[in-house]
Amino acid sequence: RVEVENGEKTRFWEDPWMQEGVLKQVFPELYKISRQKHNVIARMGWFEGQEWRWILAWSREMLQEKLQQIGILQSRLQQYRVVPDKKDKMWWGSENATQSKLCKRISATGTYVRI
C-alpha cells in the first residue's frame, strides 16, 4: 500500500495508492486512453494556492460510457489530497499489522525493499 503525500514517487495508474486498488485495474478502459499512463501523482495536477487540482488527459474524445467512468474516478480522486512538503510512504502488508514495514522503491521497475 502507498500513502501519498507529495506524489513524487507514486505512479498514478500503476501503484496501489487508492483503497479501491490499482487504478489501471479498476478503470482499464480509461487507462487505455490515458495520455498519462506512467506519470507519478505529482504530474497529474497542480496546486492553485493551497488546493490540489487533478488534471487528467485523454488521447481521444469520450463516449458517454467513458464519461461516466471519468465522473466516478474524479469523485474518488476528490477524497485524496496531495501534500507538497512530505514524501510518499510505501507499506508492506496491512497498515495495522506489526510486521508492516515502510519500504522504498529502489528502481524504476517497481522493485521495493524493506527499510
PDB file of N, CA and C in Angstrom:
ATOM      1  N   ARG A   1       0.848  -1.179   0.000  1.00  0.00           N
ATOM      2  CA  ARG A   1       0.000   0.000   0.000  1.00  0.00           C
ATOM      3  C   ARG A   1       0.881   1.225   0.000  1.00  0.00           C
ATOM      4  N   VAL A   2       0.375   2.291  -0.586  1.00  0.00           N
ATOM      5  CA  VAL A   2       1.114   3.534  -0.671  1.00  0.00           C
ATOM      6  C   VAL A   2       0.328   4.625   0.043  1.00  0.00           C
ATOM      7  N   GLU A   3       1.016   5.402   0.851  1.00  0.00           N
ATOM      8  CA  GLU A   3       0.428   6.593   1.454  1.00  0.00           C
ATOM      9  C   GLU A   3       0.967   7.791   0.688  1.00  0.00           C
ATOM     10  N   VAL A   4       0.108   8.460  -0.030  1.00  0.00           N
ATOM     11  CA  VAL A   4       0.530   9.570  -0.882  1.00  0.00           C
ATOM     12  C   VAL A   4       0.635  10.841  -0.056  1.00  0.00           C
ATOM     13  N   GLU A   5       1.748  11.510  -0.224  1.00  0.00           N
ATOM     14  CA  GLU A   5       1.940  12.828   0.374  1.00  0.00           C
ATOM     15  C   GLU A   5       2.169  13.822  -0.763  1.00  0.00           C
ATOM     16  N   ASN A   6       3.433  13.924  -1.265  1.00  0.00           N
ATOM     17  CA  ASN A   6       3.708  14.867  -2.362  1.00  0.00           C
ATOM     18  C   ASN A   6       3.499  14.242  -3.742  1.00  0.00           C
ATOM     19  N   GLY A   7       3.337  12.928  -3.809  1.00  0.00           N
ATOM     20  CA  GLY A   7       3.047  12.251  -5.069  1.00  0.00           C
ATOM     21  C   GLY A   7       4.227  12.096  -6.009  1.00  0.00           C
ATOM     22  N   GLU A   8       5.426  12.394  -5.572  1.00  0.00           N
ATOM     23  CA  GLU A   8       6.588  12.347  -6.457  1.00  0.00           C
ATOM     24  C   GLU A   8       7.135  10.940  -6.685  1.00  0.00           C
ATOM     25  N   LYS A   9       6.756   9.976  -5.866  1.00  0.00           N
ATOM     26  CA  LYS A   9       7.241   8.603  -6.011  1.00  0.00           C
ATOM     27  C   LYS A   9       6.144   7.610  -6.382  1.00  0.00           C
ATOM     28  N   THR A  10       4.907   8.042  -6.380  1.00  0.00           N
ATOM     29  CA  THR A  10       3.776   7.136  -6.562  1.00  0.00           C
ATOM     30  C   THR A  10       3.194   7.288  -7.959  1.00  0.00           C
ATOM     31  N   ARG A  11       3.186   6.174  -8.702  1.00  0.00           N
ATOM     32  CA  ARG A  11       2.615   6.186 -10.055  1.00  0.00           C
ATOM     33  C   ARG A  11       1.088   6.167  -9.967  1.00  0.00           C
ATOM     34  N   PHE A  12       0.461   7.117 -10.638  1.00  0.00           N
ATOM     35  CA  PHE A  12      -0.983   7.309 -10.572  1.00  0.00           C
ATOM     36  C   PHE A  12      -1.746   6.049 -10.962  1.00  0.00           C
ATOM     37  N   TRP A  13      -1.465   5.484 -12.111  1.00  0.00           N
ATOM     38  CA  TRP A  13      -2.218   4.339 -12.625  1.00  0.00           C
ATOM     39  C   TRP A  13      -1.685   3.000 -12.125  1.00  0.00           C
ATOM     40  N   GLU A  14      -0.437   2.916 -11.730  1.00  0.00           N
ATOM     41  CA  GLU A  14       0.228   1.622 -11.549  1.00  0.00           C
ATOM     42  C   GLU A  14       0.532   1.228 -10.106  1.00  0.00           C
ATOM     43  N   ASP A  15       0.436   2.137  -9.163  1.00  0.00           N
ATOM     44  CA  ASP A  15       0.721   1.817  -7.761  1.00  0.00           C
ATOM     45  C   ASP A  15      -0.574   1.724  -6.953  1.00  0.00           C
ATOM     46  N   PRO A  16      -0.582   0.921  -5.877  1.00  0.00           N
ATOM     47  CA  PRO A  16      -1.795   0.721  -5.072  1.00  0.00           C
ATOM     48  C   PRO A  16      -1.989   1.813  -4.023  1.00  0.00           C
ATOM     49  N   TRP A  17      -2.355   3.009  -4.459  1.00  0.00           N
ATOM     50  CA  TRP A  17      -2.480   4.128  -3.517  1.00  0.00           C
ATOM     51  C   TRP A  17      -3.923   4.446  -3.151  1.00  0.00           C
ATOM     52  N   MET A  18      -4.890   3.948  -3.912  1.00  0.00           N
ATOM     53  CA  MET A  18      -6.300   4.156  -3.577  1.00  0.00           C
ATOM     54  C   MET A  18      -6.862   2.905  -2.918  1.00  0.00           C
ATOM     55  N   GLN A  19      -7.815   3.096  -2.046  1.00  0.00           N
ATOM     56  CA  GLN A  19      -8.434   1.973  -1.350  1.00  0.00           C
ATOM     57  C   GLN A  19      -9.044   0.970  -2.327  1.00  0.00           C
ATOM     58  N   GLU A  20      -9.549   1.456  -3.463  1.00  0.00           N
ATOM     59  CA  GLU A  20     -10.215   0.600  -4.441  1.00  0.00           C
ATOM     60  C   GLU A  20      -9.252  -0.339  -5.148  1.00  0.00           C
ATOM     61  N   GLY A  21      -7.962  -0.029  -5.133  1.00  0.00           N
ATOM     62  CA  GLY A  21      -6.961  -0.858  -5.785  1.00  0.00           C
ATOM     63  C   GLY A  21      -6.159  -0.075  -6.803  1.00  0.00           C
ATOM     64  N   VAL A  22      -5.413  -0.789  -7.617  1.00  0.00           N
ATOM     65  CA  VAL A  22      -4.584  -0.181  -8.651  1.00  0.00           C
ATOM     66  C   VAL A  22      -5.511   0.361  -9.740  1.00  0.00           C
ATOM     67  N   LEU A  23      -5.374   1.633 -10.062  1.00  0.00           N
ATOM     68  CA  LEU A  23      -6.330   2.285 -10.964  1.00  0.00           C
ATOM     69  C   LEU A  23      -6.375   1.681 -12.358  1.00  0.00           C
ATOM     70  N   LYS A  24      -5.251   1.207 -12.884  1.00  0.00           N
ATOM     71  CA  LYS A  24      -5.297   0.625 -14.227  1.00  0.00           C
ATOM     72  C   LYS A  24      -6.093  -0.676 -14.248  1.00  0.00           C
ATOM     73  N   GLN A  25      -6.287  -1.298 -13.084  1.00  0.00           N
ATOM     74  CA  GLN A  25      -7.121  -2.492 -12.991  1.00  0.00           C
ATOM     75  C   GLN A  25      -8.576  -2.138 -12.677  1.00  0.00           C
ATOM     76  N   VAL A  26      -8.787  -1.081 -11.930  1.00  0.00           N
ATOM     77  CA  VAL A  26     -10.140  -0.651 -11.575  1.00  0.00           C
ATOM     78  C   VAL A  26     -10.831   0.030 -12.758  1.00  0.00           C
ATOM     79  N   PHE A  27     -10.042   0.798 -13.542  1.00  0.00           N
ATOM     80  CA  PHE A  27     -10.566   1.524 -14.698  1.00  0.00           C
ATOM     81  C   PHE A  27      -9.744   1.184 -15.951  1.00  0.00           C
ATOM     82  N   PRO A  28      -9.779  -0.073 -16.409  1.00  0.00           N
ATOM     83  CA  PRO A  28      -8.916  -0.467 -17.532  1.00  0.00           C
ATOM     84  C   PRO A  28      -9.200   0.284 -18.828  1.00  0.00           C
ATOM     85  N   GLU A  29     -10.445   0.628 -19.096  1.00  0.00           N
ATOM     86  CA  GLU A  29     -10.771   1.351 -20.333  1.00  0.00           C
ATOM     87  C   GLU A  29     -10.221   2.779 -20.299  1.00  0.00           C
ATOM     88  N   LEU A  30     -10.243   3.398 -19.136  1.00  0.00           N
ATOM     89  CA  LEU A  30      -9.672   4.744 -19.018  1.00  0.00           C
ATOM     90  C   LEU A  30      -8.150   4.692 -19.121  1.00  0.00           C
ATOM     91  N   TYR A  31      -7.555   3.664 -18.532  1.00  0.00           N
ATOM     92  CA  TYR A  31      -6.095   3.511 -18.620  1.00  0.00           C
ATOM     93  C   TYR A  31      -5.660   3.415 -20.083  1.00  0.00           C
ATOM     94  N   LYS A  32      -6.411   2.677 -20.891  1.00  0.00           N
ATOM     95  CA  LYS A  32      -6.055   2.502 -22.305  1.00  0.00           C
ATOM     96  C   LYS A  32      -5.988   3.819 -23.057  1.00  0.00           C
ATOM     97  N   ILE A  33      -6.841   4.773 -22.696  1.00  0.00           N
ATOM     98  CA  ILE A  33      -6.888   6.033 -23.441  1.00  0.00           C
ATOM     99  C   ILE A  33      -6.212   7.197 -22.711  1.00  0.00           C
ATOM    100  N   SER A  34      -5.596   6.912 -21.576  1.00  0.00           N
ATOM    101  CA  SER A  34      -4.894   7.963 -20.840  1.00  0.00           C
ATOM    102  C   SER A  34      -3.621   8.371 -21.576  1.00  0.00           C
ATOM    103  N   ARG A  35      -3.340   9.668 -21.603  1.00  0.00           N
ATOM    104  CA  ARG A  35      -2.077  10.162 -22.142  1.00  0.00           C
ATOM    105  C   ARG A  35      -1.040  10.310 -21.027  1.00  0.00           C
ATOM    106  N   GLN A  36      -1.385   9.833 -19.821  1.00  0.00           N
ATOM    107  CA  GLN A  36      -0.512   9.968 -18.657  1.00  0.00           C
ATOM    108  C   GLN A  36      -0.259   8.609 -18.001  1.00  0.00           C
ATOM    109  N   LYS A  37      -0.148   7.570 -18.792  1.00  0.00           N
ATOM    110  CA  LYS A  37      -0.072   6.195 -18.271  1.00  0.00           C
ATOM    111  C   LYS A  37       1.008   5.979 -17.212  1.00  0.00           C
ATOM    112  N   HIS A  38       2.159   6.585 -17.374  1.00  0.00           N
ATOM    113  CA  HIS A  38       3.279   6.296 -16.470  1.00  0.00           C
ATOM    114  C   HIS A  38       3.627   7.474 -15.562  1.00  0.00           C
ATOM    115  N   ASN A  39       2.744   8.452 -15.488  1.00  0.00           N
ATOM    116  CA  ASN A  39       3.004   9.624 -14.646  1.00  0.00           C
ATOM    117  C   ASN A  39       2.885   9.297 -13.165  1.00  0.00           C
ATOM    118  N   VAL A  40       3.703   9.961 -12.373  1.00  0.00           N
ATOM    119  CA  VAL A  40       3.522   9.933 -10.927  1.00  0.00           C
ATOM    120  C   VAL A  40       2.411  10.921 -10.582  1.00  0.00           C
ATOM    121  N   ILE A  41       1.865  10.798  -9.408  1.00  0.00           N
ATOM    122  CA  ILE A  41       0.741  11.637  -8.994  1.00  0.00           C
ATOM    123  C   ILE A  41       1.091  13.120  -9.073  1.00  0.00           C
ATOM    124  N   ALA A  42       2.313  13.485  -8.713  1.00  0.00           N
ATOM    125  CA  ALA A  42       2.716  14.893  -8.734  1.00  0.00           C
ATOM    126  C   ALA A  42       2.596  15.518 -10.122  1.00  0.00           C
ATOM    127  N   ARG A  43       2.574  14.695 -11.167  1.00  0.00           N
ATOM    128  CA  ARG A  43       2.439  15.203 -12.535  1.00  0.00           C
ATOM    129  C   ARG A  43       1.009  15.081 -13.069  1.00  0.00           C
ATOM    130  N   MET A  44       0.072  14.781 -12.194  1.00  0.00           N
ATOM    131  CA  MET A  44      -1.330  14.605 -12.590  1.00  0.00           C
ATOM    132  C   MET A  44      -2.198  15.786 -12.178  1.00  0.00           C
ATOM    133  N   GLY A  45      -1.565  16.896 -11.859  1.00  0.00           N
ATOM    134  CA  GLY A  45      -2.312  18.082 -11.464  1.00  0.00           C
ATOM    135  C   GLY A  45      -1.361  19.153 -10.989  1.00  0.00           C
ATOM    136  N   TRP A  46      -1.907  20.159 -10.304  1.00  0.00           N
ATOM    137  CA  TRP A  46      -1.095  21.231  -9.745  1.00  0.00           C
ATOM    138  C   TRP A  46      -1.865  21.901  -8.619  1.00  0.00           C
ATOM    139  N   PHE A  47      -1.136  22.751  -7.900  1.00  0.00           N
ATOM    140  CA  PHE A  47      -1.744  23.494  -6.807  1.00  0.00           C
ATOM    141  C   PHE A  47      -2.237  24.844  -7.306  1.00  0.00           C
ATOM    142  N   GLU A  48      -3.436  25.183  -6.888  1.00  0.00           N
ATOM    143  CA  GLU A  48      -3.962  26.539  -7.036  1.00  0.00           C
ATOM    144  C   GLU A  48      -4.061  27.064  -5.610  1.00  0.00           C
ATOM    145  N   GLY A  49      -3.078  27.853  -5.227  1.00  0.00           N
ATOM    146  CA  GLY A  49      -2.978  28.257  -3.831  1.00  0.00           C
ATOM    147  C   GLY A  49      -2.635  27.027  -3.002  1.00  0.00           C
ATOM    148  N   GLN A  50      -3.469  26.701  -2.036  1.00  0.00           N
ATOM    149  CA  GLN A  50      -3.269  25.511  -1.201  1.00  0.00           C
ATOM    150  C   GLN A  50      -4.086  24.309  -1.679  1.00  0.00           C
ATOM    151  N   GLU A  51      -4.881  24.489  -2.708  1.00  0.00           N
ATOM    152  CA  GLU A  51      -5.791  23.443  -3.195  1.00  0.00           C
ATOM    153  C   GLU A  51      -5.185  22.680  -4.372  1.00  0.00           C
ATOM    154  N   TRP A  52      -5.155  21.349  -4.280  1.00  0.00           N
ATOM    155  CA  TRP A  52      -4.673  20.496  -5.366  1.00  0.00           C
ATOM    156  C   TRP A  52      -5.777  20.331  -6.408  1.00  0.00           C
ATOM    157  N   ARG A  53      -5.436  20.481  -7.677  1.00  0.00           N
ATOM    158  CA  ARG A  53      -6.370  20.295  -8.794  1.00  0.00           C
ATOM    159  C   ARG A  53      -5.885  19.134  -9.654  1.00  0.00           C
ATOM    160  N   TRP A  54      -6.703  18.106  -9.783  1.00  0.00           N
ATOM    161  CA  TRP A  54      -6.386  16.967 -10.636  1.00  0.00           C
ATOM    162  C   TRP A  54      -6.590  17.350 -12.096  1.00  0.00           C
ATOM    163  N   ILE A  55      -5.637  16.996 -12.957  1.00  0.00           N
ATOM    164  CA  ILE A  55      -5.739  17.248 -14.390  1.00  0.00           C
ATOM    165  C   ILE A  55      -5.511  15.914 -15.108  1.00  0.00           C
ATOM    166  N   LEU A  56      -6.530  15.394 -15.760  1.00  0.00           N
ATOM    167  CA  LEU A  56      -6.443  14.122 -16.469  1.00  0.00           C
ATOM    168  C   LEU A  56      -6.497  14.396 -17.967  1.00  0.00           C
ATOM    169  N   ALA A  57      -5.600  13.763 -18.722  1.00  0.00           N
ATOM    170  CA  ALA A  57      -5.525  13.978 -20.175  1.00  0.00           C
ATOM    171  C   ALA A  57      -5.823  12.669 -20.902  1.00  0.00           C
ATOM    172  N   TRP A  58      -6.655  12.766 -21.939  1.00  0.00           N
ATOM    173  CA  TRP A  58      -7.105  11.586 -22.682  1.00  0.00           C
ATOM    174  C   TRP A  58      -6.675  11.692 -24.138  1.00  0.00           C
ATOM    175  N   SER A  59      -6.490  10.546 -24.774  1.00  0.00           N
ATOM    176  CA  SER A  59      -5.985  10.511 -26.144  1.00  0.00           C
ATOM    177  C   SER A  59      -7.065  10.725 -27.199  1.00  0.00           C
ATOM    178  N   ARG A  60      -8.327  10.715 -26.798  1.00  0.00           N
ATOM    179  CA  ARG A  60      -9.405  10.932 -27.771  1.00  0.00           C
ATOM    180  C   ARG A  60     -10.658  11.401 -27.053  1.00  0.00           C
ATOM    181  N   GLU A  61     -11.641  11.776 -27.850  1.00  0.00           N
ATOM    182  CA  GLU A  61     -12.914  12.217 -27.282  1.00  0.00           C
ATOM    183  C   GLU A  61     -13.623  11.043 -26.618  1.00  0.00           C
ATOM    184  N   MET A  62     -14.480  11.366 -25.675  1.00  0.00           N
ATOM    185  CA  MET A  62     -15.135  10.343 -24.879  1.00  0.00           C
ATOM    186  C   MET A  62     -16.553  10.045 -25.353  1.00  0.00           C
ATOM    187  N   LEU A  63     -16.879   8.775 -25.303  1.00  0.00           N
ATOM    188  CA  LEU A  63     -18.268   8.366 -25.466  1.00  0.00           C
ATOM    189  C   LEU A  63     -18.944   8.472 -24.100  1.00  0.00           C
ATOM    190  N   GLN A  64     -20.245   8.444 -24.081  1.00  0.00           N
ATOM    191  CA  GLN A  64     -20.998   8.605 -22.834  1.00  0.00           C
ATOM    192  C   GLN A  64     -20.553   7.612 -21.761  1.00  0.00           C
ATOM    193  N   GLU A  65     -20.306   6.367 -22.148  1.00  0.00           N
ATOM    194  CA  GLU A  65     -19.896   5.331 -21.188  1.00  0.00           C
ATOM    195  C   GLU A  65     -18.597   5.715 -20.478  1.00  0.00           C
ATOM    196  N   LYS A  66     -17.638   6.213 -21.231  1.00  0.00           N
ATOM    197  CA  LYS A  66     -16.358   6.602 -20.634  1.00  0.00           C
ATOM    198  C   LYS A  66     -16.503   7.877 -19.802  1.00  0.00           C
ATOM    199  N   LEU A  67     -17.404   8.767 -20.202  1.00  0.00           N
ATOM    200  CA  LEU A  67     -17.654   9.970 -19.405  1.00  0.00           C
ATOM    201  C   LEU A  67     -18.177   9.598 -18.020  1.00  0.00           C
ATOM    202  N   GLN A  68     -18.993   8.567 -17.949  1.00  0.00           N
ATOM    203  CA  GLN A  68     -19.497   8.095 -16.658  1.00  0.00           C
ATOM    204  C   GLN A  68     -18.355   7.549 -15.808  1.00  0.00           C
ATOM    205  N   GLN A  69     -17.457   6.776 -16.413  1.00  0.00           N
ATOM    206  CA  GLN A  69     -16.304   6.241 -15.685  1.00  0.00           C
ATOM    207  C   GLN A  69     -15.404   7.371 -15.190  1.00  0.00           C
ATOM    208  N   ILE A  70     -15.199   8.386 -16.025  1.00  0.00           N
ATOM    209  CA  ILE A  70     -14.374   9.531 -15.630  1.00  0.00           C
ATOM    210  C   ILE A  70     -15.015  10.249 -14.442  1.00  0.00           C
ATOM    211  N   GLY A  71     -16.327  10.390 -14.459  1.00  0.00           N
ATOM    212  CA  GLY A  71     -17.033  11.011 -13.337  1.00  0.00           C
ATOM    213  C   GLY A  71     -16.824  10.241 -12.040  1.00  0.00           C
ATOM    214  N   ILE A  72     -16.879   8.922 -12.110  1.00  0.00           N
ATOM    215  CA  ILE A  72     -16.645   8.083 -10.927  1.00  0.00           C
ATOM    216  C   ILE A  72     -15.215   8.253 -10.445  1.00  0.00           C
ATOM    217  N   LEU A  73     -14.248   8.195 -11.366  1.00  0.00           N
ATOM    218  CA  LEU A  73     -12.838   8.375 -11.000  1.00  0.00           C
ATOM    219  C   LEU A  73     -12.623   9.745 -10.365  1.00  0.00           C
ATOM    220  N   GLN A  74     -13.154  10.790 -10.955  1.00  0.00           N
ATOM    221  CA  GLN A  74     -12.957  12.136 -10.414  1.00  0.00           C
ATOM    222  C   GLN A  74     -13.568  12.283  -9.026  1.00  0.00           C
ATOM    223  N   SER A  75     -14.721  11.676  -8.787  1.00  0.00           N
ATOM    224  CA  SER A  75     -15.318  11.766  -7.451  1.00  0.00           C
ATOM    225  C   SER A  75     -14.458  11.034  -6.423  1.00  0.00           C
ATOM    226  N   ARG A  76     -13.839   9.931  -6.797  1.00  0.00           N
ATOM    227  CA  ARG A  76     -12.944   9.216  -5.882  1.00  0.00           C
ATOM    228  C   ARG A  76     -11.664  10.010  -5.638  1.00  0.00           C
ATOM    229  N   LEU A  77     -11.162  10.676  -6.674  1.00  0.00           N
ATOM    230  CA  LEU A  77      -9.942  11.476  -6.519  1.00  0.00           C
ATOM    231  C   LEU A  77     -10.141  12.626  -5.539  1.00  0.00           C
ATOM    232  N   GLN A  78     -11.348  13.144  -5.440  1.00  0.00           N
ATOM    233  CA  GLN A  78     -11.602  14.274  -4.536  1.00  0.00           C
ATOM    234  C   GLN A  78     -11.394  13.899  -3.069  1.00  0.00           C
ATOM    235  N   GLN A  79     -11.340  12.600  -2.774  1.00  0.00           N
ATOM    236  CA  GLN A  79     -11.109  12.143  -1.405  1.00  0.00           C
ATOM    237  C   GLN A  79      -9.632  12.199  -1.013  1.00  0.00           C
ATOM    238  N   TYR A  80      -8.755  12.431  -1.986  1.00  0.00           N
ATOM    239  CA  TYR A  80      -7.313  12.391  -1.746  1.00  0.00           C
ATOM    240  C   TYR A  80      -6.710  13.768  -1.894  1.00  0.00           C
ATOM    241  N   ARG A  81      -5.770  14.100  -1.016  1.00  0.00           N
ATOM    242  CA  ARG A  81      -5.080  15.380  -1.033  1.00  0.00           C
ATOM    243  C   ARG A  81      -3.583  15.158  -1.201  1.00  0.00           C
ATOM    244  N   VAL A  82      -2.985  15.921  -2.045  1.00  0.00           N
ATOM    245  CA  VAL A  82      -1.542  15.902  -2.220  1.00  0.00           C
ATOM    246  C   VAL A  82      -0.959  16.905  -1.233  1.00  0.00           C
ATOM    247  N   VAL A  83       0.092  16.491  -0.519  1.00  0.00           N
ATOM    248  CA  VAL A  83       0.743  17.334   0.490  1.00  0.00           C
ATOM    249  C   VAL A  83       2.140  17.671  -0.020  1.00  0.00           C
ATOM    250  N   PRO A  84       2.405  18.931  -0.344  1.00  0.00           N
ATOM    251  CA  PRO A  84       3.648  19.277  -1.042  1.00  0.00           C
ATOM    252  C   PRO A  84       4.934  19.064  -0.253  1.00  0.00           C
ATOM    253  N   ASP A  85       4.899  19.108   1.064  1.00  0.00           N
ATOM    254  CA  ASP A  85       6.134  19.096   1.849  1.00  0.00           C
ATOM    255  C   ASP A  85       6.485  17.748   2.470  1.00  0.00           C
ATOM    256  N   LYS A  86       5.770  16.685   2.120  1.00  0.00           N
ATOM    257  CA  LYS A  86       6.040  15.370   2.699  1.00  0.00           C
ATOM    258  C   LYS A  86       6.239  14.352   1.592  1.00  0.00           C
ATOM    259  N   LYS A  87       7.093  13.367   1.838  1.00  0.00           N
ATOM    260  CA  LYS A  87       7.368  12.318   0.854  1.00  0.00           C
ATOM    261  C   LYS A  87       6.362  11.176   0.984  1.00  0.00           C
ATOM    262  N   ASP A  88       6.087  10.511  -0.144  1.00  0.00           N
ATOM    263  CA  ASP A  88       5.209   9.347  -0.162  1.00  0.00           C
ATOM    264  C   ASP A  88       5.813   8.227   0.679  1.00  0.00           C
ATOM    265  N   LYS A  89       4.944   7.372   1.223  1.00  0.00           N
ATOM    266  CA  LYS A  89       5.378   6.214   2.012  1.00  0.00           C
ATOM    267  C   LYS A  89       4.761   4.965   1.414  1.00  0.00           C
ATOM    268  N   MET A  90       5.512   3.881   1.433  1.00  0.00           N
ATOM    269  CA  MET A  90       5.011   2.599   0.932  1.00  0.00           C
ATOM    270  C   MET A  90       5.088   1.571   2.046  1.00  0.00           C
ATOM    271  N   TRP A  91       4.025   0.782   2.192  1.00  0.00           N
ATOM    272  CA  TRP A  91       3.912  -0.194   3.279  1.00  0.00           C
ATOM    273  C   TRP A  91       3.739  -1.591   2.702  1.00  0.00           C
ATOM    274  N   TRP A  92       4.348  -2.569   3.354  1.00  0.00           N
ATOM    275  CA  TRP A  92       4.128  -3.978   3.028  1.00  0.00           C
ATOM    276  C   TRP A  92       3.105  -4.498   4.021  1.00  0.00           C
ATOM    277  N   GLY A  93       2.148  -5.262   3.539  1.00  0.00           N
ATOM    278  CA  GLY A  93       1.124  -5.798   4.423  1.00  0.00           C
ATOM    279  C   GLY A  93       0.118  -4.718   4.784  1.00  0.00           C
ATOM    280  N   SER A  94      -0.682  -4.986   5.814  1.00  0.00           N
ATOM    281  CA  SER A  94      -1.688  -4.005   6.211  1.00  0.00           C
ATOM    282  C   SER A  94      -1.052  -2.940   7.080  1.00  0.00           C
ATOM    283  N   GLU A  95      -1.676  -1.812   7.121  1.00  0.00           N
ATOM    284  CA  GLU A  95      -1.165  -0.684   7.884  1.00  0.00           C
ATOM    285  C   GLU A  95      -1.099  -1.008   9.363  1.00  0.00           C
ATOM    286  N   ASN A  96      -2.017  -1.850   9.842  1.00  0.00           N
ATOM    287  CA  ASN A  96      -2.111  -2.131  11.267  1.00  0.00           C
ATOM    288  C   ASN A  96      -1.269  -3.327  11.705  1.00  0.00           C
ATOM    289  N   ALA A  97      -0.767  -4.097  10.761  1.00  0.00           N
ATOM    290  CA  ALA A  97      -0.005  -5.293  11.116  1.00  0.00           C
ATOM    291  C   ALA A  97       1.342  -4.904  11.701  1.00  0.00           C
ATOM    292  N   THR A  98       1.784  -5.631  12.727  1.00  0.00           N
ATOM    293  CA  THR A  98       3.061  -5.306  13.357  1.00  0.00           C
ATOM    294  C   THR A  98       4.229  -5.607  12.433  1.00  0.00           C
ATOM    295  N   GLN A  99       4.068  -6.535  11.507  1.00  0.00           N
ATOM    296  CA  GLN A  99       5.146  -6.847  10.579  1.00  0.00           C
ATOM    297  C   GLN A  99       5.233  -5.865   9.415  1.00  0.00           C
ATOM    298  N   SER A 100       4.285  -4.939   9.326  1.00  0.00           N
ATOM    299  CA  SER A 100       4.331  -3.960   8.238  1.00  0.00           C
ATOM    300  C   SER A 100       5.584  -3.122   8.353  1.00  0.00           C
ATOM    301  N   LYS A 101       6.239  -2.963   7.246  1.00  0.00           N
ATOM    302  CA  LYS A 101       7.474  -2.185   7.203  1.00  0.00           C
ATOM    303  C   LYS A 101       7.343  -1.092   6.164  1.00  0.00           C
ATOM    304  N   LEU A 102       7.896   0.043   6.492  1.00  0.00           N
ATOM    305  CA  LEU A 102       7.987   1.090   5.497  1.00  0.00           C
ATOM    306  C   LEU A 102       8.960   0.597   4.449  1.00  0.00           C
ATOM    307  N   CYS A 103       8.623   0.794   3.191  1.00  0.00           N
ATOM    308  CA  CYS A 103       9.518   0.337   2.143  1.00  0.00           C
ATOM    309  C   CYS A 103       9.779   1.455   1.161  1.00  0.00           C
ATOM    310  N   LYS A 104      10.798   1.280   0.387  1.00  0.00           N
ATOM    311  CA  LYS A 104      11.234   2.324  -0.520  1.00  0.00           C
ATOM    312  C   LYS A 104      11.457   1.722  -1.892  1.00  0.00           C
ATOM    313  N   ARG A 105      10.951   2.375  -2.934  1.00  0.00           N
ATOM    314  CA  ARG A 105      11.185   1.907  -4.282  1.00  0.00           C
ATOM    315  C   ARG A 105      12.639   2.210  -4.612  1.00  0.00           C
ATOM    316  N   ILE A 106      13.369   1.195  -5.091  1.00  0.00           N
ATOM    317  CA  ILE A 106      14.781   1.412  -5.377  1.00  0.00           C
ATOM    318  C   ILE A 106      15.097   1.390  -6.856  1.00  0.00           C
ATOM    319  N   SER A 107      14.078   1.191  -7.691  1.00  0.00           N
ATOM    320  CA  SER A 107      14.321   1.259  -9.128  1.00  0.00           C
ATOM    321  C   SER A 107      13.045   1.620  -9.851  1.00  0.00           C
ATOM    322  N   ALA A 108      13.180   2.073 -11.067  1.00  0.00           N
ATOM    323  CA  ALA A 108      12.020   2.465 -11.867  1.00  0.00           C
ATOM    324  C   ALA A 108      11.171   1.266 -12.272  1.00  0.00           C
ATOM    325  N   THR A 109      11.688   0.058 -12.088  1.00  0.00           N
ATOM    326  CA  THR A 109      10.938  -1.140 -12.475  1.00  0.00           C
ATOM    327  C   THR A 109       9.926  -1.544 -11.410  1.00  0.00           C
ATOM    328  N   GLY A 110       9.874  -0.818 -10.301  1.00  0.00           N
ATOM    329  CA  GLY A 110       8.888  -1.138  -9.281  1.00  0.00           C
ATOM    330  C   GLY A 110       9.422  -2.094  -8.224  1.00  0.00           C
ATOM    331  N   THR A 111      10.728  -2.266  -8.117  1.00  0.00           N
ATOM    332  CA  THR A 111      11.311  -3.113  -7.094  1.00  0.00           C
ATOM    333  C   THR A 111      11.278  -2.366  -5.760  1.00  0.00           C
ATOM    334  N   TYR A 112      10.894  -3.052  -4.703  1.00  0.00           N
ATOM    335  CA  TYR A 112      10.807  -2.440  -3.385  1.00  0.00           C
ATOM    336  C   TYR A 112      11.735  -3.162  -2.436  1.00  0.00           C
ATOM    337  N   VAL A 113      12.171  -2.483  -1.424  1.00  0.00           N
ATOM    338  CA  VAL A 113      12.996  -3.089  -0.375  1.00  0.00           C
ATOM    339  C   VAL A 113      12.474  -2.598   0.970  1.00  0.00           C
ATOM    340  N   ARG A 114      12.461  -3.485   1.961  1.00  0.00           N
ATOM    341  CA  ARG A 114      12.050  -3.083   3.309  1.00  0.00           C
ATOM    342  C   ARG A 114      13.183  -2.302   3.944  1.00  0.00           C
ATOM    343  N   ILE A 115      12.802  -1.259   4.701  1.00  0.00           N
ATOM    344  CA  ILE A 115      13.844  -0.498   5.422  1.00  0.00           C
ATOM    345  C   ILE A 115      13.466  -0.385   6.878  1.00  0.00           C
TER     346      ILE A 115
END
